[in-house]
Amino acid sequence: AVEEAVKDPAVKGMWCVPKYSNPEGIIYSAETIDRIAH
């Protein structure tokens, strides 16, 4: 969904809490982090 959304030039950013996310306590996986960086 993120990769599709950023095709829109009006999409200017994204919020992330990558380690112990608020509120779910999720740690982003290595694959997710790599896809975000790319």
Full PDB file with SEQRES, HELIX, SHEET, SSBOND, CRYST1, ORIGX, SCALE, CONECT and MASTER records, all heavy atoms in Angstrom:
SEQRES   1 A   38  ALA VAL GLU GLU ALA VAL LYS ASP PRO ALA VAL LYS GLY          
SEQRES   2 A   38  MET TRP CYS VAL PRO LYS TYR SER ASN PRO GLU GLY ILE          
SEQRES   3 A   38  ILE TYR SER ALA GLU THR ILE ASP ARG ILE ALA HIS              
HELIX    1 AA1 VAL A    2  ALA A    5  1                                   4    
HELIX    2 AA2 ALA A   30  ALA A   37  1                                   8    
CRYST1    1.000    1.000    1.000  90.00  90.00  90.00 P 1           1          
ORIGX1      1.000000  0.000000  0.000000        0.00000                         
ORIGX2      0.000000  1.000000  0.000000        0.00000                         
ORIGX3      0.000000  0.000000  1.000000        0.00000                         
SCALE1      1.000000  0.000000  0.000000        0.00000                         
SCALE2      0.000000  1.000000  0.000000        0.00000                         
SCALE3      0.000000  0.000000  1.000000        0.00000                         
ATOM      1  N   ALA A   1       0.829  -1.211   0.000  1.00  0.00           N  
ATOM      2  CA  ALA A   1       0.000   0.000   0.000  1.00  0.00           C  
ATOM      3  C   ALA A   1       0.861   1.257   0.000  1.00  0.00           C  
ATOM      4  O   ALA A   1       0.539   2.248  -0.675  1.00  0.00           O  
ATOM      5  CB  ALA A   1      -0.935  -0.006   1.212  1.00  0.00           C  
ATOM      6  N   VAL A   2       1.956   1.238   0.749  1.00  0.00           N  
ATOM      7  CA  VAL A   2       2.846   2.401   0.803  1.00  0.00           C  
ATOM      8  C   VAL A   2       3.466   2.666  -0.563  1.00  0.00           C  
ATOM      9  O   VAL A   2       3.464   3.804  -1.060  1.00  0.00           O  
ATOM     10  CB  VAL A   2       3.959   2.186   1.851  1.00  0.00           C  
ATOM     11  CG1 VAL A   2       5.019   3.290   1.751  1.00  0.00           C  
ATOM     12  CG2 VAL A   2       3.370   2.163   3.258  1.00  0.00           C  
ATOM     13  N   GLU A   3       3.988   1.610  -1.189  1.00  0.00           N  
ATOM     14  CA  GLU A   3       4.656   1.779  -2.477  1.00  0.00           C  
ATOM     15  C   GLU A   3       3.682   2.265  -3.550  1.00  0.00           C  
ATOM     16  O   GLU A   3       4.069   3.017  -4.454  1.00  0.00           O  
ATOM     17  CB  GLU A   3       5.316   0.462  -2.882  1.00  0.00           C  
ATOM     18  CG  GLU A   3       6.540   0.149  -2.036  1.00  0.00           C  
ATOM     19  CD  GLU A   3       7.023  -1.295  -2.137  1.00  0.00           C  
ATOM     20  OE1 GLU A   3       6.291  -2.123  -2.740  1.00  0.00           O  
ATOM     21  OE2 GLU A   3       8.098  -1.598  -1.609  1.00  0.00           O  
ATOM     22  N   GLU A   4       2.434   1.868  -3.450  1.00  0.00           N  
ATOM     23  CA  GLU A   4       1.419   2.357  -4.394  1.00  0.00           C  
ATOM     24  C   GLU A   4       1.084   3.816  -4.097  1.00  0.00           C  
ATOM     25  O   GLU A   4       0.977   4.638  -5.013  1.00  0.00           O  
ATOM     26  CB  GLU A   4       0.167   1.491  -4.284  1.00  0.00           C  
ATOM     27  CG  GLU A   4      -0.940   1.871  -5.272  1.00  0.00           C  
ATOM     28  CD  GLU A   4      -0.525   1.700  -6.731  1.00  0.00           C  
ATOM     29  OE1 GLU A   4       0.302   0.803  -7.025  1.00  0.00           O  
ATOM     30  OE2 GLU A   4      -1.033   2.471  -7.575  1.00  0.00           O  
ATOM     31  N   ALA A   5       0.952   4.141  -2.816  1.00  0.00           N  
ATOM     32  CA  ALA A   5       0.540   5.500  -2.431  1.00  0.00           C  
ATOM     33  C   ALA A   5       1.568   6.553  -2.828  1.00  0.00           C  
ATOM     34  O   ALA A   5       1.205   7.672  -3.224  1.00  0.00           O  
ATOM     35  CB  ALA A   5       0.279   5.555  -0.926  1.00  0.00           C  
ATOM     36  N   VAL A   6       2.867   6.244  -2.712  1.00  0.00           N  
ATOM     37  CA  VAL A   6       3.889   7.268  -2.971  1.00  0.00           C  
ATOM     38  C   VAL A   6       4.055   7.569  -4.458  1.00  0.00           C  
ATOM     39  O   VAL A   6       4.835   8.463  -4.823  1.00  0.00           O  
ATOM     40  CB  VAL A   6       5.249   6.868  -2.361  1.00  0.00           C  
ATOM     41  CG1 VAL A   6       5.134   6.695  -0.855  1.00  0.00           C  
ATOM     42  CG2 VAL A   6       5.836   5.627  -3.016  1.00  0.00           C  
ATOM     43  N   LYS A   7       3.315   6.867  -5.306  1.00  0.00           N  
ATOM     44  CA  LYS A   7       3.311   7.222  -6.728  1.00  0.00           C  
ATOM     45  C   LYS A   7       2.596   8.545  -6.958  1.00  0.00           C  
ATOM     46  O   LYS A   7       2.758   9.182  -8.007  1.00  0.00           O  
ATOM     47  CB  LYS A   7       2.629   6.116  -7.542  1.00  0.00           C  
ATOM     48  CG  LYS A   7       3.382   4.788  -7.546  1.00  0.00           C  
ATOM     49  CD  LYS A   7       2.597   3.714  -8.293  1.00  0.00           C  
ATOM     50  CE  LYS A   7       3.319   2.369  -8.261  1.00  0.00           C  
ATOM     51  NZ  LYS A   7       2.535   1.302  -8.943  1.00  0.00           N  
ATOM     52  N   ASP A   8       1.806   8.971  -5.982  1.00  0.00           N  
ATOM     53  CA  ASP A   8       1.081  10.241  -6.049  1.00  0.00           C  
ATOM     54  C   ASP A   8       2.001  11.361  -5.566  1.00  0.00           C  
ATOM     55  O   ASP A   8       2.447  11.347  -4.419  1.00  0.00           O  
ATOM     56  CB  ASP A   8      -0.162  10.158  -5.146  1.00  0.00           C  
ATOM     57  CG  ASP A   8      -0.999  11.415  -5.146  1.00  0.00           C  
ATOM     58  OD1 ASP A   8      -0.578  12.436  -5.747  1.00  0.00           O  
ATOM     59  OD2 ASP A   8      -2.084  11.396  -4.522  1.00  0.00           O  
ATOM     60  N   PRO A   9       2.316  12.356  -6.412  1.00  0.00           N  
ATOM     61  CA  PRO A   9       3.233  13.425  -5.994  1.00  0.00           C  
ATOM     62  C   PRO A   9       2.696  14.272  -4.851  1.00  0.00           C  
ATOM     63  O   PRO A   9       3.466  14.996  -4.207  1.00  0.00           O  
ATOM     64  CB  PRO A   9       3.404  14.253  -7.271  1.00  0.00           C  
ATOM     65  CG  PRO A   9       2.233  13.910  -8.125  1.00  0.00           C  
ATOM     66  CD  PRO A   9       1.887  12.494  -7.809  1.00  0.00           C  
ATOM     67  N   ALA A  10       1.401  14.191  -4.573  1.00  0.00           N  
ATOM     68  CA  ALA A  10       0.834  14.935  -3.448  1.00  0.00           C  
ATOM     69  C   ALA A  10       1.136  14.273  -2.111  1.00  0.00           C  
ATOM     70  O   ALA A  10       0.985  14.892  -1.052  1.00  0.00           O  
ATOM     71  CB  ALA A  10      -0.675  15.088  -3.624  1.00  0.00           C  
ATOM     72  N   VAL A  11       1.553  12.999  -2.158  1.00  0.00           N  
ATOM     73  CA  VAL A  11       1.929  12.295  -0.922  1.00  0.00           C  
ATOM     74  C   VAL A  11       3.336  12.743  -0.540  1.00  0.00           C  
ATOM     75  O   VAL A  11       4.310  12.429  -1.214  1.00  0.00           O  
ATOM     76  CB  VAL A  11       1.873  10.766  -1.101  1.00  0.00           C  
ATOM     77  CG1 VAL A  11       2.445  10.056   0.115  1.00  0.00           C  
ATOM     78  CG2 VAL A  11       0.439  10.328  -1.338  1.00  0.00           C  
ATOM     79  N   LYS A  12       3.418  13.494   0.544  1.00  0.00           N  
ATOM     80  CA  LYS A  12       4.669  14.151   0.915  1.00  0.00           C  
ATOM     81  C   LYS A  12       5.434  13.475   2.045  1.00  0.00           C  
ATOM     82  O   LYS A  12       6.526  13.929   2.404  1.00  0.00           O  
ATOM     83  CB  LYS A  12       4.373  15.606   1.315  1.00  0.00           C  
ATOM     84  CG  LYS A  12       3.960  16.498   0.160  1.00  0.00           C  
ATOM     85  CD  LYS A  12       5.107  16.706  -0.820  1.00  0.00           C  
ATOM     86  CE  LYS A  12       4.765  17.729  -1.886  1.00  0.00           C  
ATOM     87  NZ  LYS A  12       5.918  17.985  -2.785  1.00  0.00           N  
ATOM     88  N   GLY A  13       4.859  12.439   2.651  1.00  0.00           N  
ATOM     89  CA  GLY A  13       5.613  11.816   3.720  1.00  0.00           C  
ATOM     90  C   GLY A  13       4.866  10.707   4.417  1.00  0.00           C  
ATOM     91  O   GLY A  13       3.727  10.371   4.073  1.00  0.00           O  
ATOM     92  N   MET A  14       5.526  10.149   5.444  1.00  0.00           N  
ATOM     93  CA  MET A  14       4.932   9.058   6.219  1.00  0.00           C  
ATOM     94  C   MET A  14       5.478   9.087   7.640  1.00  0.00           C  
ATOM     95  O   MET A  14       6.666   9.308   7.870  1.00  0.00           O  
ATOM     96  CB  MET A  14       5.244   7.704   5.573  1.00  0.00           C  
ATOM     97  CG  MET A  14       4.700   6.503   6.368  1.00  0.00           C  
ATOM     98  SD  MET A  14       4.752   4.945   5.455  1.00  0.00           S  
ATOM     99  CE  MET A  14       6.522   4.629   5.371  1.00  0.00           C  
ATOM    100  N   TRP A  15       4.591   8.873   8.596  1.00  0.00           N  
ATOM    101  CA  TRP A  15       4.980   8.740  10.002  1.00  0.00           C  
ATOM    102  C   TRP A  15       5.367   7.293  10.277  1.00  0.00           C  
ATOM    103  O   TRP A  15       4.699   6.371   9.803  1.00  0.00           O  
ATOM    104  CB  TRP A  15       3.819   9.113  10.912  1.00  0.00           C  
ATOM    105  CG  TRP A  15       3.450  10.556  10.910  1.00  0.00           C  
ATOM    106  CD1 TRP A  15       2.366  11.126  10.296  1.00  0.00           C  
ATOM    107  CD2 TRP A  15       4.153  11.624  11.554  1.00  0.00           C  
ATOM    108  NE1 TRP A  15       2.342  12.482  10.524  1.00  0.00           N  
ATOM    109  CE2 TRP A  15       3.437  12.815  11.295  1.00  0.00           C  
ATOM    110  CE3 TRP A  15       5.313  11.693  12.331  1.00  0.00           C  
ATOM    111  CZ2 TRP A  15       3.844  14.049  11.783  1.00  0.00           C  
ATOM    112  CZ3 TRP A  15       5.722  12.924  12.812  1.00  0.00           C  
ATOM    113  CH2 TRP A  15       4.993  14.087  12.537  1.00  0.00           C  
ATOM    114  N   CYS A  16       6.415   7.095  11.063  1.00  0.00           N  
ATOM    115  CA  CYS A  16       6.819   5.745  11.451  1.00  0.00           C  
ATOM    116  C   CYS A  16       7.331   5.735  12.885  1.00  0.00           C  
ATOM    117  O   CYS A  16       8.101   6.619  13.278  1.00  0.00           O  
ATOM    118  CB  CYS A  16       7.935   5.223  10.539  1.00  0.00           C  
ATOM    119  SG  CYS A  16       7.422   4.831   8.851  1.00  0.00           S  
ATOM    120  N   VAL A  17       6.899   4.736  13.654  1.00  0.00           N  
ATOM    121  CA  VAL A  17       7.519   4.412  14.948  1.00  0.00           C  
ATOM    122  C   VAL A  17       8.062   3.001  14.765  1.00  0.00           C  
ATOM    123  O   VAL A  17       7.356   2.017  14.989  1.00  0.00           O  
ATOM    124  CB  VAL A  17       6.507   4.488  16.107  1.00  0.00           C  
ATOM    125  CG1 VAL A  17       7.196   4.178  17.435  1.00  0.00           C  
ATOM    126  CG2 VAL A  17       5.835   5.859  16.155  1.00  0.00           C  
ATOM    127  N   PRO A  18       9.327   2.869  14.343  1.00  0.00           N  
ATOM    128  CA  PRO A  18       9.811   1.598  13.800  1.00  0.00           C  
ATOM    129  C   PRO A  18      10.150   0.524  14.820  1.00  0.00           C  
ATOM    130  O   PRO A  18      10.235  -0.650  14.468  1.00  0.00           O  
ATOM    131  CB  PRO A  18      11.066   2.011  13.035  1.00  0.00           C  
ATOM    132  CG  PRO A  18      11.554   3.230  13.766  1.00  0.00           C  
ATOM    133  CD  PRO A  18      10.313   3.946  14.193  1.00  0.00           C  
ATOM    134  N   LYS A  19      10.359   0.913  16.074  1.00  0.00           N  
ATOM    135  CA  LYS A  19      10.705  -0.084  17.101  1.00  0.00           C  
ATOM    136  C   LYS A  19       9.725   0.036  18.258  1.00  0.00           C  
ATOM    137  O   LYS A  19       9.576   1.108  18.846  1.00  0.00           O  
ATOM    138  CB  LYS A  19      12.141   0.128  17.585  1.00  0.00           C  
ATOM    139  CG  LYS A  19      12.614  -0.954  18.548  1.00  0.00           C  
ATOM    140  CD  LYS A  19      14.079  -0.755  18.941  1.00  0.00           C  
ATOM    141  CE  LYS A  19      14.512  -1.838  19.927  1.00  0.00           C  
ATOM    142  NZ  LYS A  19      15.899  -1.637  20.405  1.00  0.00           N  
ATOM    143  N   TYR A  20       9.030  -1.064  18.568  1.00  0.00           N  
ATOM    144  CA  TYR A  20       7.971  -1.077  19.570  1.00  0.00           C  
ATOM    145  C   TYR A  20       6.947   0.020  19.255  1.00  0.00           C  
ATOM    146  O   TYR A  20       6.708   0.926  20.037  1.00  0.00           O  
ATOM    147  CB  TYR A  20       8.548  -0.924  20.987  1.00  0.00           C  
ATOM    148  CG  TYR A  20       9.564  -1.977  21.317  1.00  0.00           C  
ATOM    149  CD1 TYR A  20      10.838  -1.643  21.769  1.00  0.00           C  
ATOM    150  CD2 TYR A  20       9.260  -3.323  21.144  1.00  0.00           C  
ATOM    151  CE1 TYR A  20      11.777  -2.628  22.056  1.00  0.00           C  
ATOM    152  CE2 TYR A  20      10.195  -4.310  21.427  1.00  0.00           C  
ATOM    153  CZ  TYR A  20      11.464  -3.949  21.881  1.00  0.00           C  
ATOM    154  OH  TYR A  20      12.385  -4.923  22.145  1.00  0.00           O  
ATOM    155  N   SER A  21       6.361  -0.108  18.082  1.00  0.00           N  
ATOM    156  CA  SER A  21       5.447   0.908  17.564  1.00  0.00           C  
ATOM    157  C   SER A  21       4.349   1.235  18.564  1.00  0.00           C  
ATOM    158  O   SER A  21       3.894   0.375  19.315  1.00  0.00           O  
ATOM    159  CB  SER A  21       4.816   0.430  16.250  1.00  0.00           C  
ATOM    160  OG  SER A  21       4.014  -0.724  16.476  1.00  0.00           O  
ATOM    161  N   ASN A  22       3.954   2.479  18.562  1.00  0.00           N  
ATOM    162  CA  ASN A  22       2.857   2.972  19.394  1.00  0.00           C  
ATOM    163  C   ASN A  22       1.568   2.844  18.598  1.00  0.00           C  
ATOM    164  O   ASN A  22       1.427   3.475  17.556  1.00  0.00           O  
ATOM    165  CB  ASN A  22       3.137   4.439  19.734  1.00  0.00           C  
ATOM    166  CG  ASN A  22       2.080   5.089  20.597  1.00  0.00           C  
ATOM    167  OD1 ASN A  22       1.009   4.528  20.819  1.00  0.00           O  
ATOM    168  ND2 ASN A  22       2.357   6.300  21.061  1.00  0.00           N  
ATOM    169  N   PRO A  23       0.605   2.006  19.022  1.00  0.00           N  
ATOM    170  CA  PRO A  23       0.534   1.307  20.299  1.00  0.00           C  
ATOM    171  C   PRO A  23       0.838  -0.192  20.238  1.00  0.00           C  
ATOM    172  O   PRO A  23       0.782  -0.867  21.255  1.00  0.00           O  
ATOM    173  CB  PRO A  23      -0.936   1.487  20.660  1.00  0.00           C  
ATOM    174  CG  PRO A  23      -1.647   1.372  19.342  1.00  0.00           C  
ATOM    175  CD  PRO A  23      -0.723   2.011  18.331  1.00  0.00           C  
ATOM    176  N   GLU A  24       1.140  -0.751  19.088  1.00  0.00           N  
ATOM    177  CA  GLU A  24       1.116  -2.208  18.934  1.00  0.00           C  
ATOM    178  C   GLU A  24       2.390  -2.925  19.369  1.00  0.00           C  
ATOM    179  O   GLU A  24       2.416  -4.148  19.459  1.00  0.00           O  
ATOM    180  CB  GLU A  24       0.775  -2.568  17.486  1.00  0.00           C  
ATOM    181  CG  GLU A  24      -0.615  -2.084  17.085  1.00  0.00           C  
ATOM    182  CD  GLU A  24      -1.196  -2.876  15.954  1.00  0.00           C  
ATOM    183  OE1 GLU A  24      -0.694  -2.757  14.828  1.00  0.00           O  
ATOM    184  OE2 GLU A  24      -2.151  -3.621  16.211  1.00  0.00           O  
ATOM    185  N   GLY A  25       3.460  -2.165  19.625  1.00  0.00           N  
ATOM    186  CA  GLY A  25       4.686  -2.802  20.087  1.00  0.00           C  
ATOM    187  C   GLY A  25       5.396  -3.619  19.033  1.00  0.00           C  
ATOM    188  O   GLY A  25       6.163  -4.529  19.342  1.00  0.00           O  
ATOM    189  N   ILE A  26       5.168  -3.295  17.758  1.00  0.00           N  
ATOM    190  CA  ILE A  26       5.762  -4.040  16.641  1.00  0.00           C  
ATOM    191  C   ILE A  26       7.146  -3.492  16.320  1.00  0.00           C  
ATOM    192  O   ILE A  26       7.365  -2.284  16.310  1.00  0.00           O  
ATOM    193  CB  ILE A  26       4.862  -3.941  15.397  1.00  0.00           C  
ATOM    194  CG1 ILE A  26       3.570  -4.739  15.615  1.00  0.00           C  
ATOM    195  CG2 ILE A  26       5.590  -4.423  14.141  1.00  0.00           C  
ATOM    196  CD1 ILE A  26       2.522  -4.502  14.557  1.00  0.00           C  
ATOM    197  N   ILE A  27       8.089  -4.376  16.068  1.00  0.00           N  
ATOM    198  CA  ILE A  27       9.391  -3.997  15.520  1.00  0.00           C  
ATOM    199  C   ILE A  27       9.341  -4.232  14.017  1.00  0.00           C  
ATOM    200  O   ILE A  27       9.072  -5.345  13.562  1.00  0.00           O  
ATOM    201  CB  ILE A  27      10.530  -4.818  16.142  1.00  0.00           C  
ATOM    202  CG1 ILE A  27      10.613  -4.566  17.656  1.00  0.00           C  
ATOM    203  CG2 ILE A  27      11.865  -4.470  15.481  1.00  0.00           C  
ATOM    204  CD1 ILE A  27      11.701  -5.370  18.350  1.00  0.00           C  
ATOM    205  N   TYR A  28       9.567  -3.174  13.231  1.00  0.00           N  
ATOM    206  CA  TYR A  28       9.557  -3.327  11.783  1.00  0.00           C  
ATOM    207  C   TYR A  28      10.574  -4.401  11.377  1.00  0.00           C  
ATOM    208  O   TYR A  28      11.697  -4.434  11.880  1.00  0.00           O  
ATOM    209  CB  TYR A  28       9.946  -2.024  11.087  1.00  0.00           C  
ATOM    210  CG  TYR A  28       8.920  -0.909  11.138  1.00  0.00           C  
ATOM    211  CD1 TYR A  28       7.827  -0.932  12.009  1.00  0.00           C  
ATOM    212  CD2 TYR A  28       9.063   0.206  10.312  1.00  0.00           C  
ATOM    213  CE1 TYR A  28       6.917   0.097  12.043  1.00  0.00           C  
ATOM    214  CE2 TYR A  28       8.146   1.245  10.338  1.00  0.00           C  
ATOM    215  CZ  TYR A  28       7.080   1.198  11.209  1.00  0.00           C  
ATOM    216  OH  TYR A  28       6.180   2.228  11.244  1.00  0.00           O  
ATOM    217  N   SER A  29      10.197  -5.250  10.450  1.00  0.00           N  
ATOM    218  CA  SER A  29      11.094  -6.309   9.980  1.00  0.00           C  
ATOM    219  C   SER A  29      12.188  -5.717   9.089  1.00  0.00           C  
ATOM    220  O   SER A  29      12.066  -4.599   8.568  1.00  0.00           O  
ATOM    221  CB  SER A  29      10.310  -7.346   9.185  1.00  0.00           C  
ATOM    222  OG  SER A  29       9.874  -6.802   7.940  1.00  0.00           O  
ATOM    223  N   ALA A  30      13.260  -6.487   8.905  1.00  0.00           N  
ATOM    224  CA  ALA A  30      14.365  -6.054   8.049  1.00  0.00           C  
ATOM    225  C   ALA A  30      13.875  -5.792   6.625  1.00  0.00           C  
ATOM    226  O   ALA A  30      14.305  -4.835   5.966  1.00  0.00           O  
ATOM    227  CB  ALA A  30      15.469  -7.105   8.053  1.00  0.00           C  
ATOM    228  N   GLU A  31      12.963  -6.637   6.143  1.00  0.00           N  
ATOM    229  CA  GLU A  31      12.433  -6.446   4.782  1.00  0.00           C  
ATOM    230  C   GLU A  31      11.636  -5.152   4.684  1.00  0.00           C  
ATOM    231  O   GLU A  31      11.773  -4.396   3.713  1.00  0.00           O  
ATOM    232  CB  GLU A  31      11.540  -7.620   4.388  1.00  0.00           C  
ATOM    233  CG  GLU A  31      10.964  -7.481   2.986  1.00  0.00           C  
ATOM    234  CD  GLU A  31       9.935  -8.546   2.641  1.00  0.00           C  
ATOM    235  OE1 GLU A  31       9.685  -9.435   3.469  1.00  0.00           O  
ATOM    236  OE2 GLU A  31       9.361  -8.468   1.530  1.00  0.00           O  
ATOM    237  N   THR A  32      10.804  -4.887   5.690  1.00  0.00           N  
ATOM    238  CA  THR A  32      10.010  -3.654   5.680  1.00  0.00           C  
ATOM    239  C   THR A  32      10.914  -2.426   5.691  1.00  0.00           C  
ATOM    240  O   THR A  32      10.710  -1.479   4.921  1.00  0.00           O  
ATOM    241  CB  THR A  32       9.064  -3.620   6.896  1.00  0.00           C  
ATOM    242  OG1 THR A  32       8.093  -4.658   6.758  1.00  0.00           O  
ATOM    243  CG2 THR A  32       8.347  -2.273   6.997  1.00  0.00           C  
ATOM    244  N   ILE A  33      11.928  -2.442   6.549  1.00  0.00           N  
ATOM    245  CA  ILE A  33      12.846  -1.307   6.643  1.00  0.00           C  
ATOM    246  C   ILE A  33      13.577  -1.114   5.321  1.00  0.00           C  
ATOM    247  O   ILE A  33      13.743   0.020   4.845  1.00  0.00           O  
ATOM    248  CB  ILE A  33      13.841  -1.531   7.799  1.00  0.00           C  
ATOM    249  CG1 ILE A  33      13.102  -1.490   9.144  1.00  0.00           C  
ATOM    250  CG2 ILE A  33      14.947  -0.480   7.782  1.00  0.00           C  
ATOM    251  CD1 ILE A  33      13.943  -1.925  10.317  1.00  0.00           C  
ATOM    252  N   ASP A  34      13.997  -2.207   4.707  1.00  0.00           N  
ATOM    253  CA  ASP A  34      14.698  -2.111   3.422  1.00  0.00           C  
ATOM    254  C   ASP A  34      13.782  -1.534   2.347  1.00  0.00           C  
ATOM    255  O   ASP A  34      14.208  -0.688   1.540  1.00  0.00           O  
ATOM    256  CB  ASP A  34      15.194  -3.501   3.017  1.00  0.00           C  
ATOM    257  CG  ASP A  34      16.023  -3.466   1.749  1.00  0.00           C  
ATOM    258  OD1 ASP A  34      17.138  -2.920   1.778  1.00  0.00           O  
ATOM    259  OD2 ASP A  34      15.548  -3.981   0.705  1.00  0.00           O  
ATOM    260  N   ARG A  35      12.532  -1.965   2.326  1.00  0.00           N  
ATOM    261  CA  ARG A  35      11.597  -1.442   1.319  1.00  0.00           C  
ATOM    262  C   ARG A  35      11.307   0.045   1.545  1.00  0.00           C  
ATOM    263  O   ARG A  35      11.163   0.817   0.586  1.00  0.00           O  
ATOM    264  CB  ARG A  35      10.297  -2.251   1.332  1.00  0.00           C  
ATOM    265  CG  ARG A  35      10.455  -3.652   0.762  1.00  0.00           C  
ATOM    266  CD  ARG A  35       9.193  -4.477   0.889  1.00  0.00           C  
ATOM    267  NE  ARG A  35       8.128  -4.037  -0.014  1.00  0.00           N  
ATOM    268  CZ  ARG A  35       6.955  -4.664  -0.136  1.00  0.00           C  
ATOM    269  NH1 ARG A  35       6.705  -5.736   0.616  1.00  0.00           N  
ATOM    270  NH2 ARG A  35       6.038  -4.214  -0.988  1.00  0.00           N  
ATOM    271  N   ILE A  36      11.248   0.452   2.812  1.00  0.00           N  
ATOM    272  CA  ILE A  36      11.046   1.873   3.102  1.00  0.00           C  
ATOM    273  C   ILE A  36      12.251   2.680   2.629  1.00  0.00           C  
ATOM    274  O   ILE A  36      12.100   3.728   1.986  1.00  0.00           O  
ATOM    275  CB  ILE A  36      10.806   2.098   4.608  1.00  0.00           C  
ATOM    276  CG1 ILE A  36       9.466   1.491   5.032  1.00  0.00           C  
ATOM    277  CG2 ILE A  36      10.813   3.592   4.941  1.00  0.00           C  
ATOM    278  CD1 ILE A  36       9.215   1.526   6.532  1.00  0.00           C  
ATOM    279  N   ALA A  37      13.457   2.196   2.936  1.00  0.00           N  
ATOM    280  CA  ALA A  37      14.668   2.916   2.533  1.00  0.00           C  
ATOM    281  C   ALA A  37      14.772   3.048   1.020  1.00  0.00           C  
ATOM    282  O   ALA A  37      15.299   4.044   0.509  1.00  0.00           O  
ATOM    283  CB  ALA A  37      15.901   2.201   3.079  1.00  0.00           C  
ATOM    284  N   HIS A  38      14.243   2.072   0.285  1.00  0.00           N  
ATOM    285  CA  HIS A  38      14.333   2.061  -1.176  1.00  0.00           C  
ATOM    286  C   HIS A  38      13.108   2.657  -1.861  1.00  0.00           C  
ATOM    287  O   HIS A  38      12.951   2.525  -3.085  1.00  0.00           O  
ATOM    288  CB  HIS A  38      14.553   0.635  -1.689  1.00  0.00           C  
ATOM    289  CG  HIS A  38      15.961   0.138  -1.532  1.00  0.00           C  
ATOM    290  ND1 HIS A  38      16.424  -0.437  -0.359  1.00  0.00           N  
ATOM    291  CD2 HIS A  38      17.019   0.147  -2.391  1.00  0.00           C  
ATOM    292  CE1 HIS A  38      17.691  -0.770  -0.508  1.00  0.00           C  
ATOM    293  NE2 HIS A  38      18.080  -0.436  -1.721  1.00  0.00           N  
TER     294      HIS A  38                                                      
MASTER        0    0    0    2    0    0    0    6  293    1    0    3          
END                                                                             
